[in-house]
Amino acid sequence: MSIFDDLFIFEMANSHQGSVEHGIDIIKEMGKISRKNNIRAAVKLQYRNLETFIHPDYKDRTDVNHIPRFMSTRLNYEQFTQLVEAVREEGMVTMSTPFDEDGIDWCMDQGIDIIKIASCSSLDWPLLEKAATTGKPLIISTGGKSLSDIDKIYNYFTHRKCKFAFLHCIAEYPAPLEHLQLDFIDRMNKRFRDVTIGYSGHEDPDDNTVTMLAIAKGAKILERHVGLPTQTIKLNAYSMNPSQAEKWVEAALKAKVICTTKKQNDKYVSQAEIDSLNSLMRGVYCKRDINEGETITRDDVFFAMPCNNKQMNSGEFYEGVVARKDYAMNSELHETRKITPTKLARSVVHDAKGMLYEAGIALGNDFEVELSHHYGMQHFRQTGAIIISIINREYCKKLLIVLPGQKHPTHAHKVKEETFQLLYGDLHVVIEGQEIDMKPGDIQTVLRGEKHSFTSTTGAIFEEVSTTHVKSDSYYDDVRISSMDPMERKTILKKW
């Protein structure tokens, strides 16, 4: 699990009024919420060295936005250290937004867990350069940034091999609903697949529908400003008091329950759901008396409710089923659908097409599909691969699909040299005994004569670019495969 996943960030509103005591009170309230709801939570501070952050001629100016507030709520390094220790004592993640290079040094000296880059600083290249050298996990807000800007930030930190996350953010305080653009979370998740995407909200603190929608859109991090009103302290229009913060957390957790797929890599279907649908299905009934051994056609049956236990349903019926016993007119048909090689092939084709859809890979209309089943179609999901030939000239391009848990056995080519690039999923390749775990984007070349095999845990799609493919140029270690005619272990599909 990433340090970013399912993280709630409590950002101290209005710099906790420049009071260590008040800041600790806020931290303790957030600690209570964190423990009560058993969440991973961070309290975020803000660091600025005001001696250098503000130009000397402006420090006493009251007509420049933000400067009076910064000056009136200033804390020194030792005071911030007290707040950091209070966060640790509450069992929460320590986090700060440094607005200058000295602030980054403070984060490092205090051992802050996560460094946050504010939206206003996300194109501040001198600051980003120093942040990139820390080795700390970074969370970067993207308020006011175009997609092109975000691409630049992504490339900058990716090239430096930093661990970072993005927050979708609308930098208006408070942010009107019509400006929130939560659909952009979808876009960021698709565009930056290796980066955790979250949401930093500035909308009405009582409106938790936004939080639930952000979860539904795929936000894994949530951030809100929090504070503690007193007789002399009033919160601004976008900050939450402890009661609102707790309701915010509860709404987010509820949304996670609603949105989470319970079964890994598949959709969970409950028995209650199955029973409900089965009660509405049509069963197969005989229109006439049918004798054992007769071939049953569509004209011999009708479909009607109810469908009873062990009765064939309308979706299972197929033309040509052979009666295993005598049936009277209007009686239930109790036959089973045969598992034929054709049915097995159709099943794996559906799975392969689904993987292509999920990976966003379009094939076009001109290709040939080979089901490579080395030990028979009945064992295909254990051993084999789906090979899609797209071009075969002096150069060759194929897409190979490996189903979850499937293995392609050890073999070599005498004529063909090939290079794999993983596009989707995970791929474990063995070349001449050397084991290689590939991740999307990785490239691996297999030279002529090199023995190789591959398998996948969750399923994989990879591109093979090679010299011309020549039939019968695959030489397998297993003599059972080598002794077979190639067409005995292949099923060719012109269309699917």
Protein backbone atom coordinates (compact mmCIF):
# COMPACT_ATOMS: atom_id res chain seq x y z
CA MET A 1 0.00 0.00 0.00
CA SER A 2 1.30 3.45 -0.93
CA ILE A 3 1.86 6.07 1.77
CA PHE A 4 -0.62 8.18 -0.20
CA ASP A 5 -3.54 5.75 -0.48
CA ASP A 6 -6.58 6.42 1.73
CA LEU A 7 -4.88 9.40 3.36
CA PHE A 8 -6.91 12.16 5.02
CA ILE A 9 -5.12 15.50 5.34
CA PHE A 10 -6.19 18.00 8.00
CA GLU A 11 -4.71 21.36 6.99
CA MET A 12 -4.40 23.85 9.83
CA ALA A 13 -6.72 26.77 9.00
CA ASN A 14 -5.31 30.30 9.06
CA SER A 15 -1.94 29.10 10.40
CA HIS A 16 -3.64 28.14 13.71
CA GLN A 17 -3.71 31.86 14.61
CA GLY A 18 0.04 31.83 15.22
CA SER A 19 -0.53 30.09 18.56
CA VAL A 20 1.26 26.89 19.53
CA GLU A 21 -1.31 26.20 22.22
CA HIS A 22 -4.24 26.65 19.83
CA GLY A 23 -2.44 24.54 17.21
CA ILE A 24 -2.01 21.68 19.67
CA ASP A 25 -5.72 21.90 20.56
CA ILE A 26 -6.59 21.48 16.87
CA ILE A 27 -4.16 18.57 16.54
CA LYS A 28 -5.73 16.78 19.51
CA GLU A 29 -9.23 17.19 18.06
CA MET A 30 -8.07 15.73 14.73
CA GLY A 31 -6.36 12.88 16.62
CA LYS A 32 -9.68 11.98 18.23
CA ILE A 33 -11.37 11.86 14.80
CA SER A 34 -8.51 9.78 13.38
CA ARG A 35 -8.67 7.17 16.14
CA LYS A 36 -12.45 7.00 16.29
CA ASN A 37 -12.68 6.28 12.56
CA ASN A 38 -9.45 4.24 12.32
CA ILE A 39 -8.08 6.29 9.42
CA ARG A 40 -4.61 7.26 8.23
CA ALA A 41 -4.54 10.99 8.81
CA ALA A 42 -1.98 13.74 8.45
CA VAL A 43 -1.95 17.20 10.01
CA LYS A 44 -0.37 19.71 7.65
CA LEU A 45 1.54 22.83 8.71
CA GLN A 46 2.93 25.69 6.60
CA TYR A 47 6.57 26.80 6.71
CA ARG A 48 7.98 30.16 5.64
CA ASN A 49 11.10 31.94 6.81
CA LEU A 50 9.54 35.38 6.95
CA GLU A 51 12.94 37.04 7.34
CA THR A 52 13.63 36.23 3.69
CA PHE A 53 10.23 35.20 2.28
CA ILE A 54 8.87 38.77 2.35
CA HIS A 55 10.83 41.65 0.85
CA PRO A 56 12.20 43.92 3.61
CA ASP A 57 10.32 46.96 2.26
CA TYR A 58 6.96 45.15 2.52
CA LYS A 59 7.08 43.56 5.97
CA ASP A 60 5.21 46.39 7.66
CA ARG A 61 2.78 47.04 4.82
CA THR A 62 -0.88 46.39 5.58
CA ASP A 63 -2.14 47.02 2.07
CA VAL A 64 -0.61 43.90 0.46
CA ASN A 65 -2.65 40.71 0.51
CA HIS A 66 -1.54 37.94 2.93
CA ILE A 67 1.47 39.78 4.38
CA PRO A 68 -0.29 41.13 7.52
CA ARG A 69 -1.67 37.63 8.27
CA PHE A 70 1.71 35.98 7.75
CA MET A 71 3.43 38.47 10.02
CA SER A 72 0.80 38.28 12.75
CA THR A 73 0.77 34.46 12.90
CA ARG A 74 4.49 33.82 12.55
CA LEU A 75 6.13 31.00 14.52
CA ASN A 76 9.80 30.10 14.77
CA TYR A 77 11.40 26.74 14.09
CA GLU A 78 11.27 25.61 17.73
CA GLN A 79 7.55 26.39 17.97
CA PHE A 80 6.80 24.44 14.81
CA THR A 81 8.82 21.55 16.23
CA GLN A 82 6.44 21.45 19.20
CA LEU A 83 3.49 21.10 16.80
CA VAL A 84 5.24 18.34 14.83
CA GLU A 85 5.83 16.39 18.03
CA ALA A 86 2.17 16.86 19.00
CA VAL A 87 1.12 15.33 15.66
CA ARG A 88 3.40 12.35 16.29
CA GLU A 89 2.04 11.89 19.80
CA GLU A 90 -1.47 11.67 18.33
CA GLY A 91 -0.28 8.88 16.01
CA MET A 92 -0.78 10.86 12.80
CA VAL A 93 1.39 11.50 9.76
CA THR A 94 3.51 14.66 9.88
CA MET A 95 3.25 16.93 6.87
CA SER A 96 4.13 20.49 5.91
CA THR A 97 3.94 22.87 2.98
CA PRO A 98 7.25 24.75 2.65
CA PHE A 99 6.95 27.94 0.62
CA ASP A 100 10.69 28.55 0.45
CA GLU A 101 13.96 26.61 0.57
CA ASP A 102 14.43 27.26 4.30
CA GLY A 103 11.04 25.64 4.86
CA ILE A 104 12.29 22.49 3.11
CA ASP A 105 15.31 22.46 5.41
CA TRP A 106 12.96 22.66 8.41
CA CYS A 107 10.99 19.67 7.05
CA MET A 108 14.17 17.65 6.75
CA ASP A 109 15.51 18.60 10.17
CA GLN A 110 12.20 17.66 11.81
CA GLY A 111 11.87 14.39 9.87
CA ILE A 112 8.53 15.40 8.33
CA ASP A 113 6.90 12.35 6.66
CA ILE A 114 5.42 14.07 3.59
CA ILE A 115 6.22 17.39 1.93
CA LYS A 116 3.31 19.20 0.26
CA ILE A 117 3.81 21.58 -2.67
CA ALA A 118 1.10 24.23 -2.74
CA SER A 119 -0.67 25.18 -5.96
CA CYS A 120 0.97 28.59 -5.94
CA SER A 121 4.40 26.91 -5.77
CA SER A 122 3.88 24.05 -8.22
CA LEU A 123 5.77 25.86 -11.00
CA ASP A 124 8.32 27.44 -8.64
CA TRP A 125 11.26 25.57 -10.19
CA PRO A 126 13.92 26.58 -7.62
CA LEU A 127 11.65 25.28 -4.85
CA LEU A 128 10.77 22.13 -6.81
CA GLU A 129 14.44 21.47 -7.50
CA LYS A 130 15.23 21.42 -3.79
CA ALA A 131 12.12 19.37 -2.96
CA ALA A 132 13.15 16.77 -5.53
CA THR A 133 16.49 16.22 -3.76
CA THR A 134 14.94 15.39 -0.37
CA GLY A 135 13.87 11.82 -1.13
CA LYS A 136 10.64 12.55 0.75
CA PRO A 137 7.21 11.62 -0.62
CA LEU A 138 5.70 14.72 -2.24
CA ILE A 139 2.07 15.73 -2.68
CA ILE A 140 1.55 18.42 -5.29
CA SER A 141 -1.58 20.55 -5.56
CA THR A 142 -2.62 21.52 -9.09
CA GLY A 143 -4.99 24.44 -8.49
CA GLY A 144 -4.94 26.94 -11.34
CA LYS A 145 -2.71 24.70 -13.47
CA SER A 146 -3.52 23.68 -17.03
CA LEU A 147 -3.10 20.11 -18.23
CA SER A 148 0.09 21.20 -19.99
CA ASP A 149 1.42 22.61 -16.71
CA ILE A 150 0.63 19.36 -14.89
CA ASP A 151 2.40 17.39 -17.63
CA LYS A 152 5.52 19.48 -17.03
CA ILE A 153 5.38 18.85 -13.29
CA TYR A 154 4.81 15.12 -13.85
CA ASN A 155 7.77 14.85 -16.21
CA TYR A 156 10.00 16.88 -13.89
CA PHE A 157 9.46 14.64 -10.86
CA THR A 158 9.31 11.41 -12.88
CA HIS A 159 12.71 12.10 -14.44
CA ARG A 160 14.11 12.61 -10.95
CA LYS A 161 12.55 9.34 -9.76
CA CYS A 162 10.60 11.06 -7.00
CA LYS A 163 7.66 9.46 -5.22
CA PHE A 164 4.80 11.90 -5.63
CA ALA A 165 1.04 12.33 -5.81
CA PHE A 166 -1.23 14.96 -7.36
CA LEU A 167 -4.20 16.70 -5.79
CA HIS A 168 -6.95 18.04 -8.01
CA CYS A 169 -7.70 21.43 -6.54
CA ILE A 170 -9.71 24.55 -7.38
CA ALA A 171 -7.85 27.46 -5.82
CA GLU A 172 -10.88 29.58 -4.97
CA TYR A 173 -11.73 30.16 -1.32
CA PRO A 174 -14.51 29.10 -1.01
CA ALA A 175 -14.84 27.23 -4.32
CA PRO A 176 -18.25 27.35 -6.04
CA LEU A 177 -19.71 23.97 -7.02
CA GLU A 178 -19.91 24.85 -10.71
CA HIS A 179 -16.11 25.30 -10.78
CA LEU A 180 -15.10 22.02 -9.10
CA GLN A 181 -14.71 19.91 -12.32
CA LEU A 182 -14.43 16.57 -10.52
CA ASP A 183 -14.40 14.83 -13.91
CA PHE A 184 -10.78 15.98 -14.12
CA ILE A 185 -9.90 13.39 -11.46
CA ASP A 186 -10.87 10.73 -14.04
CA ARG A 187 -8.62 12.40 -16.60
CA MET A 188 -5.67 12.54 -14.24
CA ASN A 189 -6.06 8.90 -13.20
CA LYS A 190 -5.99 7.81 -16.86
CA ARG A 191 -3.17 10.15 -17.86
CA PHE A 192 -0.88 9.56 -14.87
CA ARG A 193 -1.50 5.87 -14.16
CA ASP A 194 1.51 5.48 -11.85
CA VAL A 195 0.61 8.47 -9.66
CA THR A 196 -1.90 8.59 -6.81
CA ILE A 197 -4.57 11.24 -7.43
CA GLY A 198 -6.42 13.01 -4.65
CA TYR A 199 -8.72 15.96 -4.06
CA SER A 200 -8.21 19.10 -2.00
CA GLY A 201 -11.56 20.73 -1.26
CA HIS A 202 -12.46 24.33 -0.52
CA GLU A 203 -16.23 24.08 -0.94
CA ASP A 204 -18.92 24.61 1.71
CA PRO A 205 -17.80 22.61 4.80
CA ASP A 206 -21.32 21.25 5.27
CA ASP A 207 -21.56 19.83 1.72
CA ASN A 208 -20.14 16.31 1.85
CA THR A 209 -21.66 15.22 -1.46
CA VAL A 210 -18.54 16.65 -3.12
CA THR A 211 -16.30 14.43 -1.00
CA MET A 212 -18.34 11.34 -1.88
CA LEU A 213 -18.25 12.24 -5.57
CA ALA A 214 -14.48 12.73 -5.42
CA ILE A 215 -14.12 9.22 -3.98
CA ALA A 216 -16.37 7.88 -6.75
CA LYS A 217 -14.13 9.60 -9.31
CA GLY A 218 -11.08 7.81 -7.92
CA ALA A 219 -9.56 10.22 -5.40
CA LYS A 220 -7.29 8.32 -2.98
CA ILE A 221 -6.24 11.35 -0.90
CA LEU A 222 -8.62 13.88 0.64
CA GLU A 223 -7.64 17.25 2.09
CA ARG A 224 -9.60 19.95 3.93
CA HIS A 225 -8.78 23.01 6.01
CA VAL A 226 -9.70 22.49 9.66
CA GLY A 227 -9.80 24.74 12.69
CA LEU A 228 -11.23 25.15 16.16
CA PRO A 229 -13.59 28.07 16.72
CA THR A 230 -13.50 29.82 20.11
CA GLN A 231 -15.08 32.93 21.58
CA THR A 232 -12.42 34.98 19.82
CA ILE A 233 -11.66 32.80 16.77
CA LYS A 234 -14.08 32.48 13.88
CA LEU A 235 -13.42 30.07 11.02
CA ASN A 236 -13.49 31.18 7.41
CA ALA A 237 -16.10 30.02 4.90
CA TYR A 238 -14.13 26.99 3.63
CA SER A 239 -12.65 25.58 6.87
CA MET A 240 -14.21 22.82 8.96
CA ASN A 241 -14.74 22.72 12.69
CA PRO A 242 -14.19 19.34 14.41
CA SER A 243 -17.85 18.33 14.05
CA GLN A 244 -17.81 19.09 10.32
CA ALA A 245 -14.44 17.35 9.92
CA GLU A 246 -15.80 14.19 11.53
CA LYS A 247 -18.85 14.19 9.24
CA TRP A 248 -16.50 14.73 6.29
CA VAL A 249 -14.47 11.66 7.27
CA GLU A 250 -17.60 9.58 7.83
CA ALA A 251 -19.00 10.59 4.41
CA ALA A 252 -15.73 9.65 2.72
CA LEU A 253 -15.61 6.26 4.44
CA LYS A 254 -19.22 5.63 3.44
CA ALA A 255 -18.37 6.50 -0.16
CA LYS A 256 -15.43 4.08 -0.10
CA VAL A 257 -17.74 1.27 1.02
CA ILE A 258 -20.23 2.15 -1.71
CA CYS A 259 -17.60 2.41 -4.44
CA THR A 260 -15.15 -0.37 -3.56
CA THR A 261 -15.17 -3.55 -5.63
CA LYS A 262 -15.08 -6.35 -3.06
CA LYS A 263 -13.55 -9.01 -5.27
CA GLN A 264 -10.04 -8.37 -6.55
CA ASN A 265 -9.86 -8.01 -10.35
CA ASP A 266 -13.52 -8.88 -10.72
CA LYS A 267 -17.00 -7.81 -9.74
CA TYR A 268 -18.42 -9.37 -6.59
CA VAL A 269 -21.83 -10.95 -7.06
CA SER A 270 -23.66 -11.87 -3.88
CA GLN A 271 -25.81 -14.96 -3.43
CA ALA A 272 -28.76 -12.69 -2.64
CA GLU A 273 -28.29 -11.02 -6.04
CA ILE A 274 -28.12 -14.39 -7.80
CA ASP A 275 -31.22 -15.66 -6.01
CA SER A 276 -33.11 -12.47 -6.90
CA LEU A 277 -32.31 -12.76 -10.60
CA ASN A 278 -32.89 -16.51 -10.72
CA SER A 279 -36.41 -15.97 -9.48
CA LEU A 280 -37.09 -13.97 -12.67
CA MET A 281 -35.37 -16.27 -15.17
CA ARG A 282 -37.21 -18.44 -17.67
CA GLY A 283 -36.79 -22.20 -17.53
CA VAL A 284 -36.80 -24.60 -20.52
CA TYR A 285 -39.96 -26.76 -20.86
CA CYS A 286 -40.85 -29.48 -23.37
CA LYS A 287 -43.53 -28.74 -25.98
CA ARG A 288 -44.00 -32.45 -26.61
CA ASP A 289 -43.01 -35.85 -25.29
CA ILE A 290 -39.26 -36.34 -25.87
CA ASN A 291 -37.54 -39.72 -25.76
CA GLU A 292 -34.09 -40.48 -24.37
CA GLY A 293 -31.42 -40.08 -27.07
CA GLU A 294 -33.45 -37.63 -29.17
CA THR A 295 -31.80 -34.46 -30.45
CA ILE A 296 -33.77 -31.50 -29.14
CA THR A 297 -34.34 -28.47 -31.34
CA ARG A 298 -35.69 -25.02 -30.59
CA ASP A 299 -39.11 -26.10 -31.91
CA ASP A 300 -39.28 -28.84 -29.25
CA VAL A 301 -39.17 -26.49 -26.26
CA PHE A 302 -40.61 -23.28 -24.83
CA PHE A 303 -39.31 -20.84 -22.24
CA ALA A 304 -41.38 -19.80 -19.22
CA MET A 305 -41.25 -18.90 -15.54
CA PRO A 306 -40.37 -20.29 -13.11
CA CYS A 307 -36.91 -21.74 -13.57
CA ASN A 308 -36.57 -24.40 -10.88
CA ASN A 309 -33.56 -25.97 -9.23
CA LYS A 310 -31.30 -27.89 -11.67
CA GLN A 311 -33.56 -26.98 -14.58
CA MET A 312 -31.91 -25.72 -17.77
CA ASN A 313 -32.61 -22.00 -18.22
CA SER A 314 -33.27 -20.17 -21.47
CA GLY A 315 -29.72 -18.78 -21.62
CA GLU A 316 -28.20 -22.26 -21.35
CA PHE A 317 -30.29 -23.89 -24.07
CA TYR A 318 -28.58 -24.70 -27.38
CA GLU A 319 -29.77 -26.30 -30.57
CA GLY A 320 -28.86 -30.00 -30.73
CA VAL A 321 -28.81 -30.94 -27.05
CA VAL A 322 -29.35 -34.69 -26.68
CA ALA A 323 -31.93 -35.93 -24.18
CA ARG A 324 -30.40 -38.10 -21.47
CA LYS A 325 -33.81 -39.41 -20.37
CA ASP A 326 -37.49 -39.41 -21.37
CA TYR A 327 -39.45 -36.17 -20.91
CA ALA A 328 -43.22 -35.65 -20.87
CA MET A 329 -44.86 -32.67 -22.53
CA ASN A 330 -44.73 -29.50 -20.34
CA SER A 331 -42.07 -31.03 -18.08
CA GLU A 332 -38.85 -29.30 -17.08
CA LEU A 333 -35.76 -29.96 -19.20
CA HIS A 334 -32.88 -31.12 -17.00
CA GLU A 335 -29.87 -31.12 -19.32
CA THR A 336 -26.47 -29.46 -19.05
CA ARG A 337 -24.53 -27.51 -21.62
CA LYS A 338 -21.46 -29.37 -22.84
CA ILE A 339 -18.07 -27.74 -22.31
CA THR A 340 -16.68 -27.98 -25.83
CA PRO A 341 -13.36 -26.67 -27.20
CA THR A 342 -15.40 -24.02 -29.02
CA LYS A 343 -17.02 -22.88 -25.79
CA LEU A 344 -13.63 -22.79 -24.06
CA ALA A 345 -12.18 -20.77 -26.92
CA ARG A 346 -15.07 -18.33 -26.86
CA SER A 347 -14.64 -17.89 -23.11
CA VAL A 348 -10.95 -16.95 -23.32
CA VAL A 349 -11.58 -14.67 -26.31
CA HIS A 350 -14.13 -12.74 -24.26
CA ASP A 351 -11.61 -12.38 -21.44
CA ALA A 352 -8.87 -11.24 -23.83
CA LYS A 353 -11.11 -8.66 -25.46
CA GLY A 354 -12.05 -7.37 -22.01
CA MET A 355 -8.38 -6.91 -21.13
CA LEU A 356 -7.84 -4.95 -24.35
CA TYR A 357 -10.84 -2.74 -23.57
CA GLU A 358 -9.56 -2.05 -20.06
CA ALA A 359 -6.05 -1.28 -21.32
CA GLY A 360 -7.48 1.08 -23.96
CA ILE A 361 -5.80 -0.80 -26.83
CA ALA A 362 -7.62 -0.70 -30.18
CA LEU A 363 -6.77 -3.39 -32.77
CA GLY A 364 -8.47 -2.08 -35.88
CA ASN A 365 -9.89 -4.57 -38.37
CA ASP A 366 -6.91 -6.28 -40.01
CA PHE A 367 -5.36 -8.91 -37.73
CA GLU A 368 -5.21 -12.66 -37.10
CA VAL A 369 -5.68 -14.31 -33.72
CA GLU A 370 -3.93 -17.49 -32.62
CA LEU A 371 -4.89 -19.40 -29.50
CA SER A 372 -1.67 -21.21 -28.62
CA HIS A 373 -2.79 -24.21 -26.50
CA HIS A 374 0.25 -26.42 -25.98
CA TYR A 375 -1.50 -29.11 -23.93
CA GLY A 376 -4.99 -28.84 -25.36
CA MET A 377 -7.73 -26.26 -25.11
CA GLN A 378 -8.94 -27.71 -21.80
CA HIS A 379 -5.62 -26.65 -20.22
CA PHE A 380 -5.37 -23.29 -22.01
CA ARG A 381 -5.91 -21.09 -18.96
CA GLN A 382 -2.94 -22.81 -17.34
CA THR A 383 -0.61 -23.02 -20.32
CA GLY A 384 -0.70 -20.98 -23.51
CA ALA A 385 -1.14 -17.44 -24.82
CA ILE A 386 -3.28 -15.45 -27.22
CA ILE A 387 -1.16 -14.14 -30.09
CA ILE A 388 -2.51 -11.37 -32.31
CA SER A 389 -0.54 -10.96 -35.54
CA ILE A 390 -0.84 -7.45 -36.95
CA ILE A 391 2.09 -7.12 -39.39
CA ASN A 392 4.42 -9.79 -40.78
CA ARG A 393 6.77 -8.46 -43.44
CA GLU A 394 10.54 -8.03 -43.13
CA TYR A 395 9.52 -6.85 -39.71
CA CYS A 396 6.75 -8.29 -37.57
CA LYS A 397 4.44 -6.84 -34.94
CA LYS A 398 2.26 -8.91 -32.62
CA LEU A 399 0.31 -8.36 -29.44
CA LEU A 400 0.43 -11.19 -26.91
CA ILE A 401 -2.18 -11.58 -24.19
CA VAL A 402 -1.38 -13.69 -21.13
CA LEU A 403 -4.35 -14.48 -18.90
CA PRO A 404 -4.04 -14.33 -15.10
CA GLY A 405 -1.95 -17.27 -13.91
CA GLN A 406 -1.21 -18.45 -17.44
CA LYS A 407 2.28 -19.59 -18.47
CA HIS A 408 3.88 -19.88 -21.90
CA PRO A 409 6.39 -22.77 -21.81
CA THR A 410 10.13 -22.60 -22.46
CA HIS A 411 11.09 -22.34 -26.13
CA ALA A 412 13.54 -20.67 -28.51
CA HIS A 413 13.63 -19.36 -32.09
CA LYS A 414 16.42 -20.03 -34.57
CA VAL A 415 15.36 -17.49 -37.21
CA LYS A 416 13.48 -14.80 -35.31
CA GLU A 417 14.83 -12.16 -32.94
CA GLU A 418 12.14 -10.45 -30.87
CA THR A 419 11.69 -7.57 -28.46
CA PHE A 420 8.90 -7.36 -25.89
CA GLN A 421 7.41 -4.17 -24.48
CA LEU A 422 4.89 -4.57 -21.68
CA LEU A 423 1.81 -2.40 -22.25
CA TYR A 424 -0.48 -3.56 -19.45
CA GLY A 425 -0.37 -5.73 -16.34
CA ASP A 426 2.60 -7.68 -15.00
CA LEU A 427 4.94 -10.06 -16.82
CA HIS A 428 7.56 -12.42 -15.42
CA VAL A 429 10.04 -13.43 -18.11
CA VAL A 430 12.78 -16.06 -17.87
CA ILE A 431 15.57 -15.83 -20.48
CA GLU A 432 18.35 -18.40 -20.33
CA GLY A 433 17.59 -18.89 -16.63
CA GLN A 434 17.62 -15.19 -15.81
CA GLU A 435 14.37 -14.03 -14.19
CA ILE A 436 13.04 -10.58 -15.09
CA ASP A 437 9.94 -8.88 -13.67
CA MET A 438 8.59 -6.38 -16.16
CA LYS A 439 6.30 -3.46 -15.46
CA PRO A 440 4.37 -1.41 -18.06
CA GLY A 441 6.78 0.36 -20.39
CA ASP A 442 9.68 -2.06 -19.79
CA ILE A 443 11.45 -3.50 -22.85
CA GLN A 444 13.21 -6.86 -23.13
CA THR A 445 14.96 -8.35 -26.17
CA VAL A 446 15.20 -12.11 -26.80
CA LEU A 447 18.05 -13.04 -29.15
CA ARG A 448 18.02 -15.93 -31.59
CA GLY A 449 18.54 -19.26 -29.82
CA GLU A 450 17.81 -17.91 -26.34
CA LYS A 451 15.45 -20.10 -24.36
CA HIS A 452 12.65 -18.09 -22.81
CA SER A 453 9.27 -18.40 -21.12
CA PHE A 454 6.83 -15.98 -19.55
CA THR A 455 3.92 -15.88 -17.13
CA SER A 456 1.67 -13.32 -15.46
CA THR A 457 0.00 -13.07 -12.08
CA THR A 458 -2.81 -10.62 -12.88
CA GLY A 459 -2.73 -10.79 -16.69
CA ALA A 460 -0.59 -9.02 -19.26
CA ILE A 461 -0.65 -7.49 -22.72
CA PHE A 462 2.68 -6.96 -24.41
CA GLU A 463 3.86 -5.96 -27.83
CA GLU A 464 6.30 -8.17 -29.72
CA VAL A 465 8.35 -6.51 -32.45
CA SER A 466 10.57 -8.93 -34.35
CA THR A 467 12.12 -9.97 -37.59
CA THR A 468 9.84 -11.87 -39.95
CA HIS A 469 7.84 -14.60 -38.26
CA VAL A 470 8.53 -18.01 -39.84
CA LYS A 471 6.24 -20.98 -39.23
CA SER A 472 7.70 -23.89 -37.25
CA ASP A 473 10.43 -21.62 -35.80
CA SER A 474 9.45 -22.31 -32.19
CA TYR A 475 11.51 -25.06 -30.53
CA TYR A 476 10.12 -26.22 -27.16
CA ASP A 477 12.01 -27.93 -24.34
CA ASP A 478 9.02 -30.20 -23.64
CA VAL A 479 9.20 -33.11 -26.10
CA ARG A 480 5.43 -33.52 -25.89
CA ILE A 481 5.00 -30.10 -27.48
CA SER A 482 7.88 -30.54 -29.94
CA SER A 483 6.41 -33.79 -31.26
CA MET A 484 3.06 -32.18 -32.10
CA ASP A 485 2.16 -30.74 -35.47
CA PRO A 486 1.99 -26.94 -34.95
CA MET A 487 -1.66 -26.94 -36.01
CA GLU A 488 -2.47 -29.43 -33.22
CA ARG A 489 -1.55 -26.82 -30.64
CA LYS A 490 -2.97 -23.76 -32.39
CA THR A 491 -6.46 -22.48 -33.13
CA ILE A 492 -6.49 -19.69 -35.72
CA LEU A 493 -9.29 -17.10 -35.72
CA LYS A 494 -9.74 -14.69 -38.61
CA LYS A 495 -12.38 -12.76 -36.71
CA TRP A 496 -13.54 -12.54 -33.15
